[in-house]
Each structure stands twice: as C-alpha cells, then as structure tokens.
Protein backbone atom coordinates (compact mmCIF):
# COMPACT_ATOMS: atom_id res chain seq x y z
CA UNK A 1 26.28 14.18 -37.64
CA UNK A 2 29.36 15.01 -35.55
CA UNK A 3 27.31 17.01 -33.06
CA UNK A 4 24.73 14.24 -32.81
CA UNK A 5 27.41 11.60 -32.18
CA UNK A 6 29.16 13.84 -29.66
CA UNK A 7 25.91 14.39 -27.76
CA UNK A 8 25.24 10.67 -27.68
CA UNK A 9 28.74 10.03 -26.31
CA UNK A 10 28.22 12.64 -23.58
CA UNK A 11 24.93 11.04 -22.56
CA UNK A 12 26.57 7.61 -22.45
CA UNK A 13 29.46 8.87 -20.33
CA UNK A 14 27.10 10.65 -17.95
CA UNK A 15 25.01 7.49 -17.62
CA UNK A 16 28.09 5.41 -16.83
CA UNK A 17 29.20 8.02 -14.28
CA UNK A 18 25.75 7.96 -12.68
CA UNK A 19 25.82 4.17 -12.39
CA UNK A 20 29.28 4.35 -10.85
CA UNK A 21 27.89 6.72 -8.21
CA UNK A 22 24.99 4.43 -7.20
CA UNK A 23 24.93 1.31 -5.01
CA UNK A 24 24.85 -1.44 -7.62
CA UNK A 25 26.86 -4.10 -5.76
CA UNK A 26 26.06 -6.57 -2.99
CA UNK A 27 27.81 -4.70 -0.19
CA UNK A 28 27.94 -0.94 0.41
CA UNK A 29 27.66 1.88 2.93
CA UNK A 30 25.05 4.62 2.53
CA UNK A 31 25.35 8.03 4.15
CA UNK A 32 22.58 10.64 4.00
CA UNK A 33 21.67 14.05 5.32
CA UNK A 34 18.85 12.42 7.27
CA UNK A 35 17.45 8.95 7.87
CA UNK A 36 14.05 8.10 9.28
CA UNK A 37 13.93 5.89 12.40
CA UNK A 38 10.49 4.36 11.84
CA UNK A 39 10.38 2.55 15.20
CA UNK A 40 10.81 5.75 17.18
CA UNK A 41 9.20 8.02 14.62
CA UNK A 42 12.10 10.48 14.43
CA UNK A 43 14.52 11.84 11.83
CA UNK A 44 18.23 11.39 12.60
CA UNK A 45 21.29 13.14 11.18
CA UNK A 46 24.89 11.97 10.68
CA UNK A 47 23.89 8.34 10.29
CA UNK A 48 25.02 5.59 7.93
CA UNK A 49 23.50 2.30 6.79
CA UNK A 50 25.65 -0.75 6.05
CA UNK A 51 24.09 -3.22 3.60
CA UNK A 52 25.36 -6.70 2.81
CA UNK A 53 23.67 -9.51 0.93
CA UNK A 54 20.21 -7.96 0.92
CA UNK A 55 20.20 -7.30 4.67
CA UNK A 56 20.89 -4.25 6.81
CA UNK A 57 23.98 -5.14 8.84
CA UNK A 58 24.30 -1.91 10.77
CA UNK A 59 22.85 1.56 11.32
CA UNK A 60 24.62 4.30 13.24
CA UNK A 61 26.92 7.31 13.35
CA UNK A 62 30.27 5.50 13.56
CA UNK A 63 29.94 2.16 11.85
CA UNK A 64 32.92 -0.14 11.48
CA UNK A 65 32.84 -1.74 8.02
CA UNK A 66 35.34 -3.88 6.10
CA UNK A 67 38.08 -2.00 4.32
CA UNK A 68 37.25 -1.30 0.69
CA UNK A 69 33.48 -1.24 1.23
CA UNK A 70 31.99 1.11 -1.41
CA UNK A 71 30.57 4.28 0.16
CA UNK A 72 27.81 6.46 -1.25
CA UNK A 73 27.13 9.82 0.31
CA UNK A 74 23.86 11.67 -0.40
CA UNK A 75 24.05 14.66 1.98
CA UNK A 76 20.96 16.41 0.60
CA UNK A 77 18.75 13.31 0.74
CA UNK A 78 16.52 11.52 3.25
CA UNK A 79 16.59 7.72 3.57
CA UNK A 80 13.50 5.86 4.76
CA UNK A 81 12.48 2.21 4.91
CA UNK A 82 10.70 1.03 1.78
CA UNK A 83 7.15 2.34 1.76
CA UNK A 84 4.21 -0.02 2.28
CA UNK A 85 0.71 0.38 0.81
CA UNK A 86 -1.60 -1.90 2.78
CA UNK A 87 -4.63 -1.47 0.50
CA UNK A 88 -4.04 -1.80 -3.24
CA UNK A 89 -5.93 -3.15 -6.26
CA UNK A 90 -3.29 -3.84 -8.90
CA UNK A 91 -5.61 -5.93 -11.06
CA UNK A 92 -8.29 -3.25 -11.36
CA UNK A 93 -8.58 0.02 -13.25
CA UNK A 94 -11.96 1.74 -13.11
CA UNK A 95 -13.00 4.64 -15.27
CA UNK A 96 -14.96 7.20 -13.34
CA UNK A 97 -18.14 6.74 -15.34
CA UNK A 98 -18.04 2.92 -15.33
CA UNK A 99 -19.47 0.30 -13.01
CA UNK A 100 -16.81 -1.45 -10.89
CA UNK A 101 -17.78 -4.65 -12.73
CA UNK A 102 -16.81 -3.25 -16.13
CA UNK A 103 -13.12 -4.13 -15.90
CA UNK A 104 -13.82 -7.82 -15.29
CA UNK A 105 -16.44 -7.90 -18.06
CA UNK A 106 -14.37 -6.18 -20.75
CA UNK A 107 -10.86 -7.48 -20.13
CA UNK A 108 -9.39 -10.95 -20.14
CA UNK A 109 -7.37 -12.34 -17.26
CA UNK A 110 -4.26 -12.17 -19.44
CA UNK A 111 -4.82 -8.47 -20.17
CA UNK A 112 -5.30 -7.65 -16.49
CA UNK A 113 -2.17 -9.54 -15.43
CA UNK A 114 -0.03 -7.80 -18.06
CA UNK A 115 -1.45 -4.42 -17.08
CA UNK A 116 -0.77 -5.21 -13.41
CA UNK A 117 2.89 -5.73 -14.28
CA UNK A 118 3.10 -2.10 -15.35
CA UNK A 119 1.21 -0.89 -12.29
CA UNK A 120 3.49 -2.92 -10.03
CA UNK A 121 6.55 -1.34 -11.58
CA UNK A 122 5.13 2.15 -11.06
CA UNK A 123 4.64 1.32 -7.37
CA UNK A 124 8.23 0.17 -7.06
CA UNK A 125 9.64 3.23 -8.80
CA UNK A 126 7.57 5.48 -6.51
CA UNK A 127 9.26 3.93 -3.47
CA UNK A 128 6.80 1.21 -2.43
CA UNK A 129 8.71 -2.01 -1.81
CA UNK A 130 5.72 -3.87 -0.30
CA UNK A 131 2.00 -3.75 -1.11
CA UNK A 132 -1.04 -5.69 0.05
CA UNK A 133 -3.55 -6.35 -2.73
CA UNK A 134 -7.12 -6.63 -1.45
CA UNK A 135 -9.24 -8.09 -4.20
CA UNK A 136 -11.17 -7.12 -7.32
CA UNK A 137 -8.53 -9.26 -8.94
CA UNK A 138 -10.47 -12.00 -10.67
CA UNK A 139 -10.02 -15.52 -9.42
CA UNK A 140 -6.58 -15.37 -7.75
CA UNK A 141 -4.92 -13.29 -10.48
CA UNK A 142 -3.26 -11.33 -7.66
CA UNK A 143 -1.58 -14.52 -6.46
CA UNK A 144 -0.21 -15.10 -9.97
CA UNK A 145 1.24 -11.58 -10.16
CA UNK A 146 2.81 -11.99 -6.70
CA UNK A 147 4.45 -15.23 -7.84
CA UNK A 148 5.79 -13.55 -10.99
CA UNK A 149 7.37 -10.79 -8.90
CA UNK A 150 8.85 -13.26 -6.40
CA UNK A 151 10.41 -15.29 -9.20
CA UNK A 152 11.89 -12.22 -10.87
CA UNK A 153 9.77 -12.46 -14.02
CA UNK A 154 8.58 -8.86 -13.59
CA UNK A 155 9.80 -5.99 -11.39
CA UNK A 156 7.50 -5.00 -8.57
CA UNK A 157 7.08 -4.61 -4.83
CA UNK A 158 6.78 -7.53 -2.44
CA UNK A 159 3.10 -8.41 -2.76
CA UNK A 160 0.67 -9.83 -0.21
CA UNK A 161 -2.65 -11.05 -1.61
CA UNK A 162 -6.24 -11.70 -0.55
CA UNK A 163 -7.66 -13.55 -3.54
CA UNK A 164 -11.39 -13.01 -4.30
CA UNK A 165 -13.07 -10.80 -1.68
CA UNK A 166 -15.47 -12.76 0.52
CA UNK A 167 -18.92 -11.17 0.46
CA UNK A 168 -22.67 -11.62 0.55
CA UNK A 169 -24.85 -11.51 -2.59
CA UNK A 170 -23.37 -9.27 -5.29
CA UNK A 171 -20.35 -7.96 -3.42
CA UNK A 172 -19.67 -4.30 -4.20
CA UNK A 173 -21.17 -4.30 -7.67
CA UNK A 174 -24.21 -2.10 -8.18
CA UNK A 175 -27.06 -1.71 -10.67
CA UNK A 176 -26.45 -5.09 -12.27
CA UNK A 177 -29.26 -6.70 -14.28
CA UNK A 178 -31.09 -9.11 -11.96
CA UNK A 179 -30.59 -12.12 -14.22
CA UNK A 180 -26.83 -11.47 -14.43
CA UNK A 181 -26.05 -10.65 -10.81
CA UNK A 182 -24.80 -14.07 -9.79
CA UNK A 183 -22.81 -14.70 -12.99
CA UNK A 184 -21.01 -11.35 -12.90
CA UNK A 185 -20.34 -11.38 -9.16
CA UNK A 186 -18.64 -14.78 -9.42
CA UNK A 187 -16.01 -13.22 -11.69
CA UNK A 188 -14.56 -11.21 -8.79
CA UNK A 189 -16.00 -12.31 -5.44
CA UNK A 190 -16.49 -15.40 -3.34
CA UNK A 191 -20.12 -15.11 -2.26
CA UNK A 192 -20.93 -17.04 0.92
CA UNK A 193 -24.25 -18.38 2.12
CA UNK A 194 -24.22 -19.48 5.74
CA UNK A 195 -21.50 -20.10 8.31
CA UNK A 196 -20.47 -23.47 6.89
CA UNK A 197 -19.99 -22.03 3.40
CA UNK A 198 -18.09 -19.07 4.86
CA UNK A 199 -15.63 -21.42 6.57
CA UNK A 200 -15.25 -23.36 3.30
CA UNK A 201 -14.47 -20.12 1.43
CA UNK A 202 -11.60 -19.37 3.80
CA UNK A 203 -10.22 -22.89 3.35
CA UNK A 204 -10.32 -22.43 -0.43
CA UNK A 205 -8.37 -19.20 -0.07
CA UNK A 206 -5.81 -20.79 2.23
CA UNK A 207 -5.37 -23.67 -0.21
CA UNK A 208 -4.69 -21.17 -3.02
CA UNK A 209 -1.92 -19.44 -1.11
CA UNK A 210 -3.39 -16.07 -0.09
CA UNK A 211 -1.69 -13.89 2.54
CA UNK A 212 -4.81 -12.36 4.15
CA UNK A 213 -8.58 -12.74 4.13
CA UNK A 214 -10.58 -9.71 2.97
CA UNK A 215 -14.30 -9.50 3.81
CA UNK A 216 -16.89 -6.98 2.64
CA UNK A 217 -19.01 -6.69 5.76
CA UNK A 218 -21.66 -4.78 3.83
CA UNK A 219 -21.80 -4.52 0.04
CA UNK A 220 -24.21 -2.62 -2.16
CA UNK A 221 -27.36 -4.43 -1.00
CA UNK A 222 -26.50 -7.10 1.56
CA UNK A 223 -23.92 -7.85 4.21
CA UNK A 224 -22.49 -10.97 5.80
CA UNK A 225 -24.22 -12.17 8.97
CA UNK A 226 -22.61 -12.21 12.41
CA UNK A 227 -22.43 -16.02 12.23
CA UNK A 228 -20.75 -15.92 8.81
CA UNK A 229 -18.26 -13.32 9.99
CA UNK A 230 -17.36 -15.36 13.07
CA UNK A 231 -16.89 -18.48 10.94
CA UNK A 232 -14.61 -16.55 8.58
CA UNK A 233 -12.43 -15.20 11.38
CA UNK A 234 -12.22 -18.46 13.32
CA UNK A 235 -11.30 -20.48 10.23
CA UNK A 236 -8.79 -17.88 9.04
CA UNK A 237 -7.05 -17.74 12.42
CA UNK A 238 -6.89 -21.54 12.52
CA UNK A 239 -4.95 -21.30 9.25
CA UNK A 240 -2.76 -18.48 10.63
CA UNK A 241 -4.33 -15.90 8.34
CA UNK A 242 -5.43 -12.44 9.46
CA UNK A 243 -8.81 -11.00 8.51
CA UNK A 244 -9.33 -7.43 7.38
CA UNK A 245 -12.82 -6.05 6.92
CA UNK A 246 -14.21 -3.52 4.46
CA UNK A 247 -16.46 -1.61 6.84
CA UNK A 248 -17.41 2.04 6.62
CA UNK A 249 -19.83 2.74 9.49
CA UNK A 250 -20.29 1.84 13.15
CA UNK A 251 -22.71 -1.11 12.83
CA UNK A 252 -20.58 -2.89 10.24
CA UNK A 253 -17.34 -2.14 12.08
CA UNK A 254 -18.80 -3.40 15.35
CA UNK A 255 -19.91 -6.66 13.69
CA UNK A 256 -16.36 -7.20 12.47
CA UNK A 257 -14.87 -6.35 15.87
CA UNK A 258 -17.21 -8.72 17.71
CA UNK A 259 -16.19 -11.50 15.33
CA UNK A 260 -12.49 -10.87 16.05
CA UNK A 261 -11.34 -9.20 12.81
CA UNK A 262 -7.75 -7.94 12.84
CA UNK A 263 -8.19 -4.79 10.76
CA UNK A 264 -10.74 -2.31 9.45
CA UNK A 265 -10.49 -0.88 5.95
CA UNK A 266 -11.82 2.65 5.31
CA UNK A 267 -13.83 3.28 8.50
CA UNK A 268 -15.15 6.58 7.20
CA UNK A 269 -17.73 7.12 9.94
CA UNK A 270 -16.66 6.04 13.43
CA UNK A 271 -17.87 6.92 16.91
CA UNK A 272 -15.42 7.35 19.77
CA UNK A 273 -16.78 4.17 21.38
CA UNK A 274 -15.84 2.17 18.27
CA UNK A 275 -12.33 3.67 18.18
CA UNK A 276 -11.86 2.86 21.87
CA UNK A 277 -12.97 -0.70 21.21
CA UNK A 278 -10.49 -1.01 18.35
CA UNK A 279 -7.64 0.30 20.49
CA UNK A 280 -8.51 -2.10 23.32
CA UNK A 281 -8.63 -5.09 20.96
CA UNK A 282 -5.49 -4.05 19.06
CA UNK A 283 -7.35 -3.73 15.73
CA UNK A 284 -5.66 -1.52 13.14
CA UNK A 285 -7.35 1.05 10.90
CA UNK A 286 -6.50 1.64 7.23
CA UNK A 287 -7.88 5.11 6.36
CA UNK A 288 -8.01 5.23 2.56
CA UNK A 289 -8.45 9.00 2.47
CA UNK A 290 -8.16 11.13 -0.67
CA UNK A 291 -6.13 14.34 -0.78
CA UNK A 292 -7.34 17.61 -2.24
CA UNK A 293 -5.19 16.90 -5.31
CA UNK A 294 -6.83 13.46 -5.70
CA UNK A 295 -10.28 15.03 -5.78
CA UNK A 296 -9.12 17.60 -8.33
CA UNK A 297 -7.71 14.83 -10.55
CA UNK A 298 -11.06 13.06 -10.38
CA UNK A 299 -12.85 16.30 -11.30
CA UNK A 300 -10.50 16.84 -14.22
CA UNK A 301 -11.14 13.31 -15.44
CA UNK A 302 -14.82 14.24 -15.41
CA UNK A 303 -14.01 17.38 -17.43
CA UNK A 304 -14.67 19.77 -14.54
CA UNK A 305 -12.31 22.69 -15.06
CA UNK A 306 -13.03 24.93 -12.06
CA UNK A 307 -12.17 23.51 -8.64
CA UNK A 308 -13.56 24.84 -5.37
CA UNK A 309 -10.77 23.85 -2.96
CA UNK A 310 -12.65 25.29 0.02
CA UNK A 311 -15.62 23.06 -0.76
CA UNK A 312 -13.33 20.04 -1.23
CA UNK A 313 -11.69 20.62 2.16
CA UNK A 314 -15.11 21.01 3.78
CA UNK A 315 -16.20 17.71 2.24
CA UNK A 316 -13.07 15.94 3.56
CA UNK A 317 -13.29 17.47 7.07
CA UNK A 318 -15.16 14.50 8.66
CA UNK A 319 -12.34 12.17 7.57
CA UNK A 320 -9.79 14.46 9.18
CA UNK A 321 -11.81 14.50 12.40
CA UNK A 322 -12.04 10.71 12.66
CA UNK A 323 -8.32 10.30 11.83
CA UNK A 324 -7.30 12.64 14.64
CA UNK A 325 -9.67 10.91 17.06
CA UNK A 326 -8.29 7.50 16.05
CA UNK A 327 -4.77 8.72 16.75
CA UNK A 328 -5.80 10.19 20.10
CA UNK A 329 -7.50 6.94 21.13
CA UNK A 330 -4.36 4.94 20.36
CA UNK A 331 -5.59 3.04 17.28
CA UNK A 332 -2.79 1.71 15.07
CA UNK A 333 -3.07 3.70 11.82
CA UNK A 334 -1.85 1.96 8.66
CA UNK A 335 -1.43 3.63 5.27
CA UNK A 336 -3.55 2.30 2.42
CA UNK A 337 -4.42 4.10 -0.79
CA UNK A 338 -7.28 2.07 -2.33
CA UNK A 339 -6.00 3.49 -5.64
CA UNK A 340 -7.79 2.01 -8.63
CA UNK A 341 -9.41 4.89 -10.54
CA UNK A 342 -8.04 5.89 -13.92
CA UNK A 343 -6.37 9.30 -13.46
CA UNK A 344 -3.40 10.98 -15.10
CA UNK A 345 -0.94 10.18 -12.27
CA UNK A 346 0.98 6.91 -12.28
CA UNK A 347 -0.49 4.35 -9.89
CA UNK A 348 2.51 4.68 -7.57
CA UNK A 349 2.20 8.46 -7.34
CA UNK A 350 -1.58 8.23 -6.99
CA UNK A 351 -1.03 5.95 -3.99
CA UNK A 352 1.18 8.59 -2.36
CA UNK A 353 -1.74 11.02 -2.35
CA UNK A 354 -3.11 9.18 0.69
CA UNK A 355 0.03 10.22 2.57
CA UNK A 356 -0.57 13.80 1.41
CA UNK A 357 -4.15 13.46 2.68
CA UNK A 358 -2.81 12.54 6.12
CA UNK A 359 -0.62 15.66 5.98
CA UNK A 360 -3.65 17.80 5.12
CA UNK A 361 -5.53 16.17 7.99
CA UNK A 362 -2.92 17.31 10.48
CA UNK A 363 -0.50 14.41 10.92
CA UNK A 364 3.22 15.22 11.08
CA UNK A 365 5.64 13.92 8.42
CA UNK A 366 7.15 11.51 10.97
CA UNK A 367 3.75 10.10 11.96
CA UNK A 368 2.74 9.77 8.31
CA UNK A 369 5.89 7.85 7.45
CA UNK A 370 5.28 5.54 10.40
CA UNK A 371 1.85 4.63 9.00
CA UNK A 372 3.53 3.57 5.73
CA UNK A 373 6.48 1.74 7.29
CA UNK A 374 6.61 0.56 10.92
CA UNK A 375 2.83 0.50 11.56
CA UNK A 376 2.10 -1.22 8.26
CA UNK A 377 4.78 -3.86 8.85
CA UNK A 378 3.26 -4.64 12.26
CA UNK A 379 -0.24 -4.96 10.80
CA UNK A 380 1.08 -7.28 8.08
CA UNK A 381 2.99 -9.43 10.60
CA UNK A 382 6.27 -8.47 8.93
CA UNK A 383 7.66 -6.24 11.66
CA UNK A 384 10.84 -8.29 12.01
CA UNK A 385 11.60 -8.11 8.30
CA UNK A 386 10.54 -4.76 6.82
CA UNK A 387 9.33 -1.31 7.84
CA UNK A 388 12.41 -0.16 9.74
CA UNK A 389 16.07 0.72 9.24
CA UNK A 390 17.59 -1.65 11.75
CA UNK A 391 20.14 -4.45 11.90
CA UNK A 392 18.75 -7.73 10.58
CA UNK A 393 15.91 -6.21 8.54
CA UNK A 394 15.61 -6.58 4.80
CA UNK A 395 17.48 -3.84 2.96
CA UNK A 396 14.38 -2.13 1.57
CA UNK A 397 15.29 1.56 1.30
CA UNK A 398 14.06 4.69 -0.42
CA UNK A 399 16.40 7.63 -0.98
CA UNK A 400 14.43 10.85 -1.45
CA UNK A 401 16.05 13.99 -2.83
CA UNK A 402 15.46 16.69 -0.24
CA UNK A 403 14.37 16.94 3.38
CA UNK A 404 11.21 14.91 4.09
CA UNK A 405 10.93 16.39 7.55
CA UNK A 406 10.86 20.04 6.42
CA UNK A 407 9.46 19.77 2.89
CA UNK A 408 7.44 16.55 2.93
CA UNK A 409 5.12 17.20 0.03
CA UNK A 410 7.90 18.07 -2.43
CA UNK A 411 10.48 15.48 -1.35
CA UNK A 412 7.94 12.62 -1.29
CA UNK A 413 7.62 12.77 -5.09
CA UNK A 414 11.35 13.23 -5.76
CA UNK A 415 12.78 9.72 -5.55
CA UNK A 416 16.49 9.30 -6.25
CA UNK A 417 16.97 5.57 -5.62
CA UNK A 418 14.81 2.64 -4.59
CA UNK A 419 16.49 -0.41 -3.09
CA UNK A 420 14.66 -3.70 -2.53
CA UNK A 421 16.38 -6.65 -0.84
CA UNK A 422 19.63 -4.73 -1.09
CA UNK A 423 19.45 -4.34 -4.88
CA UNK A 424 19.03 -1.04 -6.70
CA UNK A 425 15.70 -1.28 -8.53
CA UNK A 426 15.14 2.38 -9.44
CA UNK A 427 17.97 4.64 -10.68
C-alpha cells in the first residue's frame, strides 16, 4: 500500500512539474532549436516566438518582451505553424470490404457526429490545427461538428466544410440496386440536373453556411456537364465561395478548369499541358497520395501478411512523376490526406502519411511542410491568419521533439505540444 501511494504521489508531482514547464498561460515566449519559416520554406535557428492573447506578437532572434514574461525553451525541438489538412472526411469511416454508402446506411447522424468528435481530437493531437472537410458527411453534419468545435463543446481543429458533395446521378457510390440508387445517394450527395438546378444547389449550400463548394466532376457512372459546372462556379463565386473539384484524369480536370474551378482534388493522371494550364490560371492541386506504409496498413487490414515493397513503390511511381512535374510547372501543391479508411493508425496519424508519401516521392522536408502550412492557407484564403509563424497571425503552433529538417519521418510523429489560438491543447 505504501509503495502504491508513493508511486501515485511521484506521478502527481511529475505531472505538476510537466504542466509548470509548458505554456499554459495567455502570454509567453517560446524558444526552440529550430523553427520553420513557412513563407520562405526554410528552417531557422536561434529564434523565439512571442505569443499574447492567441496571436503571434513577434518572431526573431532578439525579441524585446515585457519583464516577467514566462519563457519556455525546447532546444531539441522544431516549431512549425499548425498543420493543415485540406482534404478530410471526419464524418466517414469505411471498412475496406464495404461500399462507401455503407456508413450512411448503417449509422445514424448522431452516431457519426459523436464519432467525428473523436476523430477531430485525434487530428488536433497529431498537430493539425485546421482541416477542410470535403463531404460524405450526411446532410450538413460537417457544419454541425464545425460549430461544436468553434463553440468549445468538443476539442478539434479549426474546420472548414463543404456540406453534401454536388454530383451527377449516384455520386461516388457504386453497385447500388437500381431501385435504391436515388434514395441512397440523397443521404450523402446533392445530385443536380441541369444548370439551373446546379446554381440552386450552390445557393442551398451557401444558405447553410458552408466554407467551400465540392464537386465530383465524374462519379462512378456519370459526370456533371460543362454547363452545370459553369453554373456551379459562377454561383459560388458570386457568393464568395471557392470551388474545388474531385477530378482524376485530364478530361475531367480540363472541364473543371474551363469552368473556372479554384482547385483540383486528387489529379492522379495529368498531362503536362493540364499542369501548365493550372499554373497559368492559379489553380491549386491537392495530391491525396498514399505512402508505402499506408498501403501496407491497408494490406494488413485485408489480412495480407507478406508485403512486396518494391511492387508497392512501382505502383505508386506514376503519382510521384506527376507530383514532380506539377512542382516543376509551378502548380501550387496543397496537402490533403483523403483519410477515411478504417486502419489501425489514429485518423490524425493516418493523415500524416500523405506527408510521408510526398517525402517518398522526392519532395524535401521544407517543401512538404509548406504544402501543409503556407500553401494550404493560401488555397483556403486564410493566408493572413494561419499557415505561418509571423507577427499578427493566429498562434497555431506545433512543437515536434527532434529535428524535422534532418529526421523528418521520425520527428513528424513525435509531437510534444500543440497550441491552437495561443492555448495549449495537447500536452
């Protein structure tokens, strides 16, 4: 009994000491071995960050701060802006052997919202302080979760939402019974029929408070027409909403570009001419690429025990080629995980595998971090608020144990602190 009580006391004292050594107040100074300048895409040493009232008040080597300001020095750590995942699905979990429609059919809206609260927390604890949720979220359940986070009901990252994905026919569902196609699709999508209906769909979304319009240019059987796509973009822009398009190949991507879409999701197969067109028009690309580890996790979930990594890398090679070409052509690359499969990793860590994929595809740690900070903030029209460690920005910070520049893959999964709006949210 004595030993048990003594151990408990030691744990309590250590916990109190740990809290005393972390930035729990409103005003403090952080010093780290390295910080990441997301605007310039470089790592800097001997820098400090002064935070006050949820805002970064100064960044530099010799900051002048009020006397008595608490200081926290983490010399072995790297500080970055809060990470951003521009393509999430917090309201969806799909088992590998299930139809994408299964989640909506088997689970109530209440169940999905409560589950999303846990997924949102895992994102925050992994270092993501902002996410953009792009559908498969029932009828505006994503908007409800975003409101709950904003009001402090549940912990989670800042959340931008699309509402039901706008699509033709049965969206992205496949092999549905003919007589049930329309009924099931309406659970998750807003199916449009003609340009006038497409414009009405965007107005419905705007009225329900979405942050972005997501369109499936081509689903499982049908795609939206050029006239419908133009109506969607024109109406969205008139309501100051950006449009991002699920498009995987040249014809679909070109249709979206001609209509004036602001972003392309996935873009697995892209010719140089399409990439050049995107760069000229200032259209961003969200490459939702899997890492080798992601593929292995999927294989394990399917009870495949032996993994041919050489074959996996060969399979992923075309994605690597298009990513490098996109970078060379000057396309703005934005990190997005498209994480929604049920695997053993937490959702937040599963989302980080996209950043590991970029590393495997040849991008440098600095370039990768830019895709998940500065580039993403620009694409989301939040460049003045998040995505950079600079005076006036929101104090969204991630403190990683280790050197992200030299040991990216290890340090990325070793999070010491997460700070959102100046408050410590992960200890």
